[in-house]
Amino acid sequence: MKPFPLPVRVAGPGSHVEDEELQYLAMPRGMAVFEMPRIPPRVDAGHMAAARELLAGFLERMGEGDAAKGGKAPRLDLDRVDPGPLDIANQMLGEGEVAIRVDGARPYRIQESVFAGVWRVCELDADGRVARDWIESSPIPAVVIDAAAAGSNVALPSVALPDGAMNSPALLTEIQEHIRTWRPGGEAHVINLTLFPMSPEDHQVMERAVPVGPVAIMSRGFGNCRVTSTGARNVWRVQYFNNMNTLILNTIEVVDLPEVAVAAAEDLADSRERFAELVDWMGESAEA
C-alpha cells in the first residue's frame, strides 16, 4: 500500500502565532443592479420615435402571452428594422447579466437585456453572420431548451473504467437513476462535486460519460456562474467562480433547467413594469 500523507497541524502551548492571519477564499462581490438606460445626447427625433414605436409594440405583446406559465413567449422580429431606430433600441435594451451560446447546425448568440427575462436572440448562418434577429420575453429562450434536448440522450453511454476510478461508477448510477425518474417541473437533484473525493481517473470517466453539450450559459450576477448542458438529458454542469475566477462550487444538476439560468415569474412581471416606464420615458424624451 502506498503511504498516504496526512497534513499535520501543531496544537497546544506554543503553537499559536499572534501575527498569523487567517486566509479566506475570496467570495464574489460587485452585484449588478438595474439602471434605466440613457438616451444619447444627440439623437435623430425620427429615429427615436420609430424606436419607441418598435418597443411599444413589443410591450403590447408582453401583455398578451405569459411564457412563465407555459404560454407562447412574446416575440418581435428585428430583421427588417432600419439601422437608425435599431441602434437606439439596442441602446435602450442594453446588456444584462446572462449571455448564452448555442452551438450546432443552427448556432445562436443570446444576450439578456437589462430587463430580466427580455432576451436578444441572434441566429447565425454558416459564415457567422446574423441570419435572424429577434427580442423574446421568457424565462429562457425556447431555442436554448430545444438545443439542449436535441444534443442529449436519455441513457448514459457505456465507458471503460480505468484503474484508479473510485467514485465515478456510483455517480453515474445515481445520475442515470435520476434521469429515469425525472419529471418536467420536478425539483432539481444536485450533486456537489466540490468536496467529493474524485481521482483524475474519476474526472476522465465523467467527461466521457457526461460530455459537454451544445449550450453554454454565463451569468454575471453575483460573481460568475457557468452553466453548460451535457450529452445526458436534463443533466447540467453548474459552476460558480469568485472574482479571481477561482472555482468555488462545482455541481451537477438533474433538472429541466438550473434555476440560476432562468428568469423567475416575478422578474418577468417586474420587467414588464420597467419596460412600460421605458416606453413612456422615450416618448417624453422624443417630445422634449
C-alpha atoms as a PDB file:
ATOM      1  CA  MET A   1       0.000   0.000   0.000  1.00  0.00           C
ATOM      2  CA  LYS A   2       1.297   3.454  -0.886  1.00  0.00           C
ATOM      3  CA  PRO A   3       1.821   5.842   2.046  1.00  0.00           C
ATOM      4  CA  PHE A   4      -0.982   8.410   2.290  1.00  0.00           C
ATOM      5  CA  PRO A   5       0.395  11.711   3.629  1.00  0.00           C
ATOM      6  CA  LEU A   6      -1.754  13.447   6.220  1.00  0.00           C
ATOM      7  CA  PRO A   7      -1.390  17.172   6.882  1.00  0.00           C
ATOM      8  CA  VAL A   8      -0.067  17.791  10.371  1.00  0.00           C
ATOM      9  CA  ARG A   9      -1.082  20.843  12.375  1.00  0.00           C
ATOM     10  CA  VAL A  10       0.668  21.552  15.645  1.00  0.00           C
ATOM     11  CA  ALA A  11      -1.694  22.250  18.536  1.00  0.00           C
ATOM     12  CA  GLY A  12      -1.174  23.142  22.171  1.00  0.00           C
ATOM     13  CA  PRO A  13       1.027  25.575  24.080  1.00  0.00           C
ATOM     14  CA  GLY A  14       3.474  27.465  21.914  1.00  0.00           C
ATOM     15  CA  SER A  15       1.708  26.588  18.674  1.00  0.00           C
ATOM     16  CA  HIS A  16      -0.228  29.884  18.323  1.00  0.00           C
ATOM     17  CA  VAL A  17       1.391  32.761  16.468  1.00  0.00           C
ATOM     18  CA  GLU A  18      -0.118  36.144  17.298  1.00  0.00           C
ATOM     19  CA  ASP A  19       0.780  37.785  13.992  1.00  0.00           C
ATOM     20  CA  GLU A  20      -0.537  34.981  11.811  1.00  0.00           C
ATOM     21  CA  GLU A  21      -3.553  35.965   9.723  1.00  0.00           C
ATOM     22  CA  LEU A  22      -6.330  33.664   8.632  1.00  0.00           C
ATOM     23  CA  GLN A  23      -6.512  33.179   4.872  1.00  0.00           C
ATOM     24  CA  TYR A  24     -10.002  33.050   3.375  1.00  0.00           C
ATOM     25  CA  LEU A  25     -11.024  32.222  -0.167  1.00  0.00           C
ATOM     26  CA  ALA A  26     -12.246  35.388  -1.851  1.00  0.00           C
ATOM     27  CA  MET A  27     -16.017  35.428  -2.260  1.00  0.00           C
ATOM     28  CA  PRO A  28     -17.968  37.022  -5.128  1.00  0.00           C
ATOM     29  CA  ARG A  29     -18.909  40.659  -4.864  1.00  0.00           C
ATOM     30  CA  GLY A  30     -19.929  43.530  -7.106  1.00  0.00           C
ATOM     31  CA  MET A  31     -23.548  42.548  -7.684  1.00  0.00           C
ATOM     32  CA  ALA A  32     -25.167  44.329 -10.647  1.00  0.00           C
ATOM     33  CA  VAL A  33     -28.262  46.450 -10.079  1.00  0.00           C
ATOM     34  CA  PHE A  34     -30.826  47.759 -12.556  1.00  0.00           C
ATOM     35  CA  GLU A  35     -30.295  51.181 -14.100  1.00  0.00           C
ATOM     36  CA  MET A  36     -32.585  52.786 -16.655  1.00  0.00           C
ATOM     37  CA  PRO A  37     -30.745  53.124 -19.999  1.00  0.00           C
ATOM     38  CA  ARG A  38     -29.616  56.592 -21.004  1.00  0.00           C
ATOM     39  CA  ILE A  39     -30.576  58.258 -24.255  1.00  0.00           C
ATOM     40  CA  PRO A  40     -27.587  59.639 -26.198  1.00  0.00           C
ATOM     41  CA  PRO A  41     -27.297  63.446 -26.062  1.00  0.00           C
ATOM     42  CA  ARG A  42     -27.714  63.767 -29.815  1.00  0.00           C
ATOM     43  CA  VAL A  43     -30.280  61.554 -31.483  1.00  0.00           C
ATOM     44  CA  ASP A  44     -32.483  61.879 -34.542  1.00  0.00           C
ATOM     45  CA  ALA A  45     -36.064  62.630 -33.452  1.00  0.00           C
ATOM     46  CA  GLY A  46     -37.485  60.437 -36.217  1.00  0.00           C
ATOM     47  CA  HIS A  47     -35.296  57.503 -35.228  1.00  0.00           C
ATOM     48  CA  MET A  48     -36.271  57.977 -31.593  1.00  0.00           C
ATOM     49  CA  ALA A  49     -39.975  57.951 -32.442  1.00  0.00           C
ATOM     50  CA  ALA A  50     -39.556  54.837 -34.583  1.00  0.00           C
ATOM     51  CA  ALA A  51     -37.582  53.048 -31.847  1.00  0.00           C
ATOM     52  CA  ARG A  52     -40.224  53.942 -29.281  1.00  0.00           C
ATOM     53  CA  GLU A  53     -42.967  52.608 -31.556  1.00  0.00           C
ATOM     54  CA  LEU A  54     -40.965  49.410 -32.030  1.00  0.00           C
ATOM     55  CA  LEU A  55     -40.525  48.816 -28.293  1.00  0.00           C
ATOM     56  CA  ALA A  56     -44.130  49.854 -27.563  1.00  0.00           C
ATOM     57  CA  GLY A  57     -45.273  47.139 -29.960  1.00  0.00           C
ATOM     58  CA  PHE A  58     -43.186  44.598 -28.091  1.00  0.00           C
ATOM     59  CA  LEU A  59     -44.628  45.827 -24.786  1.00  0.00           C
ATOM     60  CA  GLU A  60     -48.122  45.059 -26.084  1.00  0.00           C
ATOM     61  CA  ARG A  61     -47.030  41.530 -26.954  1.00  0.00           C
ATOM     62  CA  MET A  62     -45.546  41.102 -23.476  1.00  0.00           C
ATOM     63  CA  GLY A  63     -49.034  41.654 -22.090  1.00  0.00           C
ATOM     64  CA  GLU A  64     -50.607  39.077 -24.422  1.00  0.00           C
ATOM     65  CA  GLY A  65     -48.546  35.986 -23.509  1.00  0.00           C
ATOM     66  CA  ASP A  66     -47.146  34.523 -20.314  1.00  0.00           C
ATOM     67  CA  ALA A  67     -44.219  32.227 -21.036  1.00  0.00           C
ATOM     68  CA  ALA A  68     -43.638  31.772 -17.295  1.00  0.00           C
ATOM     69  CA  LYS A  69     -46.884  29.759 -17.159  1.00  0.00           C
ATOM     70  CA  GLY A  70     -46.156  27.677 -20.230  1.00  0.00           C
ATOM     71  CA  GLY A  71     -47.716  30.042 -22.760  1.00  0.00           C
ATOM     72  CA  LYS A  72     -46.155  31.158 -26.020  1.00  0.00           C
ATOM     73  CA  ALA A  73     -43.271  33.558 -25.477  1.00  0.00           C
ATOM     74  CA  PRO A  74     -43.897  37.106 -26.764  1.00  0.00           C
ATOM     75  CA  ARG A  75     -41.515  37.792 -29.625  1.00  0.00           C
ATOM     76  CA  LEU A  76     -40.691  40.634 -32.012  1.00  0.00           C
ATOM     77  CA  ASP A  77     -38.608  40.105 -35.164  1.00  0.00           C
ATOM     78  CA  LEU A  78     -35.997  42.793 -35.870  1.00  0.00           C
ATOM     79  CA  ASP A  79     -34.774  41.577 -39.270  1.00  0.00           C
ATOM     80  CA  ARG A  80     -36.315  44.441 -41.256  1.00  0.00           C
ATOM     81  CA  VAL A  81     -35.853  47.314 -38.821  1.00  0.00           C
ATOM     82  CA  ASP A  82     -33.895  50.270 -40.187  1.00  0.00           C
ATOM     83  CA  PRO A  83     -30.393  50.768 -38.733  1.00  0.00           C
ATOM     84  CA  GLY A  84     -31.157  54.123 -37.047  1.00  0.00           C
ATOM     85  CA  PRO A  85     -34.121  53.025 -34.901  1.00  0.00           C
ATOM     86  CA  LEU A  86     -32.499  49.629 -34.323  1.00  0.00           C
ATOM     87  CA  ASP A  87     -29.361  51.269 -32.918  1.00  0.00           C
ATOM     88  CA  ILE A  88     -31.431  53.259 -30.424  1.00  0.00           C
ATOM     89  CA  ALA A  89     -33.456  50.169 -29.473  1.00  0.00           C
ATOM     90  CA  ASN A  90     -30.186  48.300 -28.858  1.00  0.00           C
ATOM     91  CA  GLN A  91     -29.013  51.040 -26.510  1.00  0.00           C
ATOM     92  CA  MET A  92     -32.321  51.018 -24.666  1.00  0.00           C
ATOM     93  CA  LEU A  93     -32.229  47.239 -24.196  1.00  0.00           C
ATOM     94  CA  GLY A  94     -28.609  47.263 -23.001  1.00  0.00           C
ATOM     95  CA  GLU A  95     -26.787  44.162 -21.734  1.00  0.00           C
ATOM     96  CA  GLY A  96     -27.947  42.251 -18.670  1.00  0.00           C
ATOM     97  CA  GLU A  97     -26.329  39.584 -16.531  1.00  0.00           C
ATOM     98  CA  VAL A  98     -26.804  36.485 -18.699  1.00  0.00           C
ATOM     99  CA  ALA A  99     -25.207  35.557 -22.034  1.00  0.00           C
ATOM    100  CA  ILE A 100     -25.886  32.274 -23.853  1.00  0.00           C
ATOM    101  CA  ARG A 101     -24.050  30.463 -26.624  1.00  0.00           C
ATOM    102  CA  VAL A 102     -25.738  27.656 -28.554  1.00  0.00           C
ATOM    103  CA  ASP A 103     -23.546  25.672 -30.943  1.00  0.00           C
ATOM    104  CA  GLY A 104     -24.592  23.207 -33.600  1.00  0.00           C
ATOM    105  CA  ALA A 105     -26.056  23.224 -37.085  1.00  0.00           C
ATOM    106  CA  ARG A 106     -28.044  26.352 -36.136  1.00  0.00           C
ATOM    107  CA  PRO A 107     -25.838  28.381 -33.785  1.00  0.00           C
ATOM    108  CA  TYR A 108     -27.280  31.181 -31.678  1.00  0.00           C
ATOM    109  CA  ARG A 109     -25.812  34.044 -29.678  1.00  0.00           C
ATOM    110  CA  ILE A 110     -28.188  35.295 -26.998  1.00  0.00           C
ATOM    111  CA  GLN A 111     -27.866  38.235 -24.617  1.00  0.00           C
ATOM    112  CA  GLU A 112     -30.243  39.123 -21.819  1.00  0.00           C
ATOM    113  CA  SER A 113     -31.155  42.809 -21.795  1.00  0.00           C
ATOM    114  CA  VAL A 114     -31.096  44.970 -18.671  1.00  0.00           C
ATOM    115  CA  PHE A 115     -34.714  43.836 -18.260  1.00  0.00           C
ATOM    116  CA  ALA A 116     -34.610  40.355 -16.716  1.00  0.00           C
ATOM    117  CA  GLY A 117     -36.226  37.777 -18.997  1.00  0.00           C
ATOM    118  CA  VAL A 118     -36.113  40.032 -22.075  1.00  0.00           C
ATOM    119  CA  TRP A 119     -33.659  38.414 -24.484  1.00  0.00           C
ATOM    120  CA  ARG A 120     -31.962  39.423 -27.708  1.00  0.00           C
ATOM    121  CA  VAL A 121     -31.652  36.276 -29.840  1.00  0.00           C
ATOM    122  CA  CYS A 122     -29.483  36.126 -32.968  1.00  0.00           C
ATOM    123  CA  GLU A 123     -29.347  33.069 -35.215  1.00  0.00           C
ATOM    124  CA  LEU A 124     -26.121  32.830 -37.222  1.00  0.00           C
ATOM    125  CA  ASP A 125     -25.558  31.447 -40.709  1.00  0.00           C
ATOM    126  CA  ALA A 126     -22.681  29.228 -41.845  1.00  0.00           C
ATOM    127  CA  ASP A 127     -20.412  32.275 -42.169  1.00  0.00           C
ATOM    128  CA  GLY A 128     -21.149  33.537 -38.668  1.00  0.00           C
ATOM    129  CA  ARG A 129     -23.360  36.395 -39.838  1.00  0.00           C
ATOM    130  CA  VAL A 130     -26.742  37.197 -38.312  1.00  0.00           C
ATOM    131  CA  ALA A 131     -29.444  35.345 -40.244  1.00  0.00           C
ATOM    132  CA  ARG A 132     -32.357  36.092 -37.891  1.00  0.00           C
ATOM    133  CA  ASP A 133     -32.697  38.563 -35.055  1.00  0.00           C
ATOM    134  CA  TRP A 134     -35.490  38.968 -32.514  1.00  0.00           C
ATOM    135  CA  ILE A 135     -36.470  40.060 -28.988  1.00  0.00           C
ATOM    136  CA  GLU A 136     -38.148  37.488 -26.755  1.00  0.00           C
ATOM    137  CA  SER A 137     -39.713  37.664 -23.297  1.00  0.00           C
ATOM    138  CA  SER A 138     -39.440  34.338 -21.460  1.00  0.00           C
ATOM    139  CA  PRO A 139     -37.720  32.607 -18.533  1.00  0.00           C
ATOM    140  CA  ILE A 140     -35.169  31.434 -21.119  1.00  0.00           C
ATOM    141  CA  PRO A 141     -35.409  31.434 -24.945  1.00  0.00           C
ATOM    142  CA  ALA A 142     -37.105  28.379 -26.422  1.00  0.00           C
ATOM    143  CA  VAL A 143     -34.169  27.696 -28.765  1.00  0.00           C
ATOM    144  CA  VAL A 144     -31.976  27.018 -25.710  1.00  0.00           C
ATOM    145  CA  ILE A 145     -34.323  24.337 -24.383  1.00  0.00           C
ATOM    146  CA  ASP A 146     -34.690  22.764 -27.830  1.00  0.00           C
ATOM    147  CA  ALA A 147     -30.933  22.699 -28.478  1.00  0.00           C
ATOM    148  CA  ALA A 148     -30.138  21.163 -25.083  1.00  0.00           C
ATOM    149  CA  ALA A 149     -32.706  18.406 -25.640  1.00  0.00           C
ATOM    150  CA  ALA A 150     -31.626  17.727 -29.225  1.00  0.00           C
ATOM    151  CA  GLY A 151     -27.985  17.367 -28.180  1.00  0.00           C
ATOM    152  CA  SER A 152     -28.607  14.822 -25.421  1.00  0.00           C
ATOM    153  CA  ASN A 153     -29.620  11.203 -24.811  1.00  0.00           C
ATOM    154  CA  VAL A 154     -31.755   9.605 -22.118  1.00  0.00           C
ATOM    155  CA  ALA A 155     -29.163   6.898 -21.420  1.00  0.00           C
ATOM    156  CA  LEU A 156     -25.564   7.385 -20.401  1.00  0.00           C
ATOM    157  CA  PRO A 157     -23.032   5.702 -22.700  1.00  0.00           C
ATOM    158  CA  SER A 158     -21.038   2.746 -21.510  1.00  0.00           C
ATOM    159  CA  VAL A 159     -17.464   3.772 -20.737  1.00  0.00           C
ATOM    160  CA  ALA A 160     -14.423   1.770 -19.729  1.00  0.00           C
ATOM    161  CA  LEU A 161     -13.396   2.249 -16.108  1.00  0.00           C
ATOM    162  CA  PRO A 162      -9.634   2.779 -15.830  1.00  0.00           C
ATOM    163  CA  ASP A 163      -7.605   1.787 -12.809  1.00  0.00           C
ATOM    164  CA  GLY A 164      -7.992   4.464 -10.172  1.00  0.00           C
ATOM    165  CA  ALA A 165     -11.667   5.205 -10.883  1.00  0.00           C
ATOM    166  CA  MET A 166     -13.144   5.105  -7.375  1.00  0.00           C
ATOM    167  CA  ASN A 167     -16.370   7.081  -7.093  1.00  0.00           C
ATOM    168  CA  SER A 168     -17.372   7.799 -10.706  1.00  0.00           C
ATOM    169  CA  PRO A 169     -19.231   4.457 -11.153  1.00  0.00           C
ATOM    170  CA  ALA A 170     -21.522   5.261  -8.218  1.00  0.00           C
ATOM    171  CA  LEU A 171     -22.052   8.807  -9.518  1.00  0.00           C
ATOM    172  CA  LEU A 172     -23.030   7.548 -12.964  1.00  0.00           C
ATOM    173  CA  THR A 173     -25.515   5.107 -11.420  1.00  0.00           C
ATOM    174  CA  GLU A 174     -27.017   7.935  -9.381  1.00  0.00           C
ATOM    175  CA  ILE A 175     -27.275  10.239 -12.403  1.00  0.00           C
ATOM    176  CA  GLN A 176     -28.849   7.550 -14.597  1.00  0.00           C
ATOM    177  CA  GLU A 177     -31.460   6.760 -11.958  1.00  0.00           C
ATOM    178  CA  HIS A 178     -32.480  10.402 -11.669  1.00  0.00           C
ATOM    179  CA  ILE A 179     -32.630  10.771 -15.447  1.00  0.00           C
ATOM    180  CA  ARG A 180     -35.012   7.813 -15.479  1.00  0.00           C
ATOM    181  CA  THR A 181     -37.272   9.192 -12.742  1.00  0.00           C
ATOM    182  CA  TRP A 182     -37.133  12.848 -13.810  1.00  0.00           C
ATOM    183  CA  ARG A 183     -40.462  14.555 -14.496  1.00  0.00           C
ATOM    184  CA  PRO A 184     -40.994  18.026 -16.049  1.00  0.00           C
ATOM    185  CA  GLY A 185     -41.003  20.711 -13.387  1.00  0.00           C
ATOM    186  CA  GLY A 186     -39.559  18.396 -10.764  1.00  0.00           C
ATOM    187  CA  GLU A 187     -37.186  19.507  -8.036  1.00  0.00           C
ATOM    188  CA  ALA A 188     -33.528  19.571  -9.002  1.00  0.00           C
ATOM    189  CA  HIS A 189     -31.275  16.759  -7.851  1.00  0.00           C
ATOM    190  CA  VAL A 190     -27.916  18.377  -7.101  1.00  0.00           C
ATOM    191  CA  ILE A 191     -24.610  16.511  -6.816  1.00  0.00           C
ATOM    192  CA  ASN A 192     -21.928  18.652  -5.195  1.00  0.00           C
ATOM    193  CA  LEU A 193     -18.522  17.699  -6.596  1.00  0.00           C
ATOM    194  CA  THR A 194     -16.591  20.418  -4.755  1.00  0.00           C
ATOM    195  CA  LEU A 195     -15.903  18.336  -1.646  1.00  0.00           C
ATOM    196  CA  PHE A 196     -16.454  14.954  -3.270  1.00  0.00           C
ATOM    197  CA  PRO A 197     -13.332  12.753  -3.402  1.00  0.00           C
ATOM    198  CA  MET A 198     -12.568  12.409  -7.110  1.00  0.00           C
ATOM    199  CA  SER A 199      -9.395  10.973  -8.610  1.00  0.00           C
ATOM    200  CA  PRO A 200      -8.082  12.160 -12.005  1.00  0.00           C
ATOM    201  CA  GLU A 201      -9.421   8.887 -13.449  1.00  0.00           C
ATOM    202  CA  ASP A 202     -12.869   9.673 -11.997  1.00  0.00           C
ATOM    203  CA  HIS A 203     -12.870  13.024 -13.790  1.00  0.00           C
ATOM    204  CA  GLN A 204     -11.911  11.309 -17.042  1.00  0.00           C
ATOM    205  CA  VAL A 205     -14.808   8.877 -16.690  1.00  0.00           C
ATOM    206  CA  MET A 206     -17.260  11.710 -16.002  1.00  0.00           C
ATOM    207  CA  GLU A 207     -16.051  13.696 -19.017  1.00  0.00           C
ATOM    208  CA  ARG A 208     -16.581  10.692 -21.294  1.00  0.00           C
ATOM    209  CA  ALA A 209     -19.915   9.588 -19.825  1.00  0.00           C
ATOM    210  CA  VAL A 210     -21.373  13.093 -19.354  1.00  0.00           C
ATOM    211  CA  PRO A 211     -19.738  15.191 -22.080  1.00  0.00           C
ATOM    212  CA  VAL A 212     -20.347  18.899 -22.588  1.00  0.00           C
ATOM    213  CA  GLY A 213     -23.416  19.681 -24.707  1.00  0.00           C
ATOM    214  CA  PRO A 214     -24.226  22.490 -27.164  1.00  0.00           C
ATOM    215  CA  VAL A 215     -25.493  25.088 -24.647  1.00  0.00           C
ATOM    216  CA  ALA A 216     -23.241  27.315 -22.534  1.00  0.00           C
ATOM    217  CA  ILE A 217     -24.718  29.956 -20.208  1.00  0.00           C
ATOM    218  CA  MET A 218     -22.774  32.599 -18.293  1.00  0.00           C
ATOM    219  CA  SER A 219     -24.449  34.577 -15.516  1.00  0.00           C
ATOM    220  CA  ARG A 220     -22.592  37.562 -14.063  1.00  0.00           C
ATOM    221  CA  GLY A 221     -24.983  38.439 -11.250  1.00  0.00           C
ATOM    222  CA  PHE A 222     -23.050  37.682  -8.035  1.00  0.00           C
ATOM    223  CA  GLY A 223     -19.623  36.525  -9.111  1.00  0.00           C
ATOM    224  CA  ASN A 224     -19.752  34.349 -12.226  1.00  0.00           C
ATOM    225  CA  CYS A 225     -21.831  31.235 -12.752  1.00  0.00           C
ATOM    226  CA  ARG A 226     -21.211  28.987 -15.751  1.00  0.00           C
ATOM    227  CA  VAL A 227     -23.948  26.551 -16.770  1.00  0.00           C
ATOM    228  CA  THR A 228     -23.454  24.016 -19.554  1.00  0.00           C
ATOM    229  CA  SER A 229     -25.738  21.368 -20.957  1.00  0.00           C
ATOM    230  CA  THR A 230     -24.391  17.853 -21.285  1.00  0.00           C
ATOM    231  CA  GLY A 231     -24.846  14.848 -23.516  1.00  0.00           C
ATOM    232  CA  ALA A 232     -27.262  13.431 -20.929  1.00  0.00           C
ATOM    233  CA  ARG A 233     -30.916  14.524 -20.993  1.00  0.00           C
ATOM    234  CA  ASN A 234     -31.753  17.111 -18.278  1.00  0.00           C
ATOM    235  CA  VAL A 235     -28.236  16.899 -16.804  1.00  0.00           C
ATOM    236  CA  TRP A 236     -26.372  20.196 -16.396  1.00  0.00           C
ATOM    237  CA  ARG A 237     -22.989  21.233 -15.056  1.00  0.00           C
ATOM    238  CA  VAL A 238     -23.227  24.328 -12.836  1.00  0.00           C
ATOM    239  CA  GLN A 239     -20.013  26.006 -11.680  1.00  0.00           C
ATOM    240  CA  TYR A 240     -19.587  29.122  -9.542  1.00  0.00           C
ATOM    241  CA  PHE A 241     -16.466  31.293  -9.674  1.00  0.00           C
ATOM    242  CA  ASN A 242     -15.319  34.170  -7.493  1.00  0.00           C
ATOM    243  CA  ASN A 243     -13.877  37.494  -8.688  1.00  0.00           C
ATOM    244  CA  MET A 244     -10.461  35.862  -9.108  1.00  0.00           C
ATOM    245  CA  ASN A 245     -12.052  33.298 -11.467  1.00  0.00           C
ATOM    246  CA  THR A 246     -11.405  30.570  -8.905  1.00  0.00           C
ATOM    247  CA  LEU A 247     -13.890  27.699  -8.897  1.00  0.00           C
ATOM    248  CA  ILE A 248     -15.695  27.771  -5.541  1.00  0.00           C
ATOM    249  CA  LEU A 249     -18.638  25.441  -6.214  1.00  0.00           C
ATOM    250  CA  ASN A 250     -18.849  22.651  -8.783  1.00  0.00           C
ATOM    251  CA  THR A 251     -22.134  20.773  -9.173  1.00  0.00           C
ATOM    252  CA  ILE A 252     -24.103  18.519 -11.477  1.00  0.00           C
ATOM    253  CA  GLU A 253     -27.858  19.146 -11.575  1.00  0.00           C
ATOM    254  CA  VAL A 254     -30.513  16.801 -12.905  1.00  0.00           C
ATOM    255  CA  VAL A 255     -33.344  19.203 -13.712  1.00  0.00           C
ATOM    256  CA  ASP A 256     -35.167  20.630 -16.697  1.00  0.00           C
ATOM    257  CA  LEU A 257     -33.243  23.927 -16.325  1.00  0.00           C
ATOM    258  CA  PRO A 258     -30.995  25.111 -13.487  1.00  0.00           C
ATOM    259  CA  GLU A 259     -32.740  27.838 -11.519  1.00  0.00           C
ATOM    260  CA  VAL A 260     -29.757  30.177 -11.772  1.00  0.00           C
ATOM    261  CA  ALA A 261     -30.105  30.294 -15.575  1.00  0.00           C
ATOM    262  CA  VAL A 262     -33.753  31.323 -15.865  1.00  0.00           C
ATOM    263  CA  ALA A 263     -35.749  34.452 -15.112  1.00  0.00           C
ATOM    264  CA  ALA A 264     -38.401  33.913 -12.441  1.00  0.00           C
ATOM    265  CA  ALA A 265     -42.050  34.858 -12.924  1.00  0.00           C
ATOM    266  CA  GLU A 266     -41.534  37.785 -10.526  1.00  0.00           C
ATOM    267  CA  ASP A 267     -38.632  39.009 -12.670  1.00  0.00           C
ATOM    268  CA  LEU A 268     -40.778  38.906 -15.818  1.00  0.00           C
ATOM    269  CA  ALA A 269     -43.586  40.830 -14.135  1.00  0.00           C
ATOM    270  CA  ASP A 270     -41.133  43.450 -12.856  1.00  0.00           C
ATOM    271  CA  SER A 271     -39.562  43.741 -16.312  1.00  0.00           C
ATOM    272  CA  ARG A 272     -42.955  44.443 -17.898  1.00  0.00           C
ATOM    273  CA  GLU A 273     -43.454  47.347 -15.489  1.00  0.00           C
ATOM    274  CA  ARG A 274     -39.989  48.742 -16.126  1.00  0.00           C
ATOM    275  CA  PHE A 275     -40.369  48.252 -19.873  1.00  0.00           C
ATOM    276  CA  ALA A 276     -43.578  50.294 -19.754  1.00  0.00           C
ATOM    277  CA  GLU A 277     -41.705  53.032 -17.884  1.00  0.00           C
ATOM    278  CA  LEU A 278     -39.010  52.961 -20.564  1.00  0.00           C
ATOM    279  CA  VAL A 279     -41.533  53.365 -23.380  1.00  0.00           C
ATOM    280  CA  ASP A 280     -43.196  56.301 -21.583  1.00  0.00           C
ATOM    281  CA  TRP A 281     -39.801  57.852 -20.868  1.00  0.00           C
ATOM    282  CA  MET A 282     -38.757  57.538 -24.521  1.00  0.00           C
ATOM    283  CA  GLY A 283     -41.990  59.250 -25.545  1.00  0.00           C
ATOM    284  CA  GLU A 284     -41.332  62.164 -23.228  1.00  0.00           C
ATOM    285  CA  SER A 285     -37.738  62.450 -24.460  1.00  0.00           C
ATOM    286  CA  ALA A 286     -38.854  62.462 -28.090  1.00  0.00           C
ATOM    287  CA  GLU A 287     -41.265  65.331 -27.388  1.00  0.00           C
ATOM    288  CA  ALA A 288     -38.664  67.386 -25.487  1.00  0.00           C
END
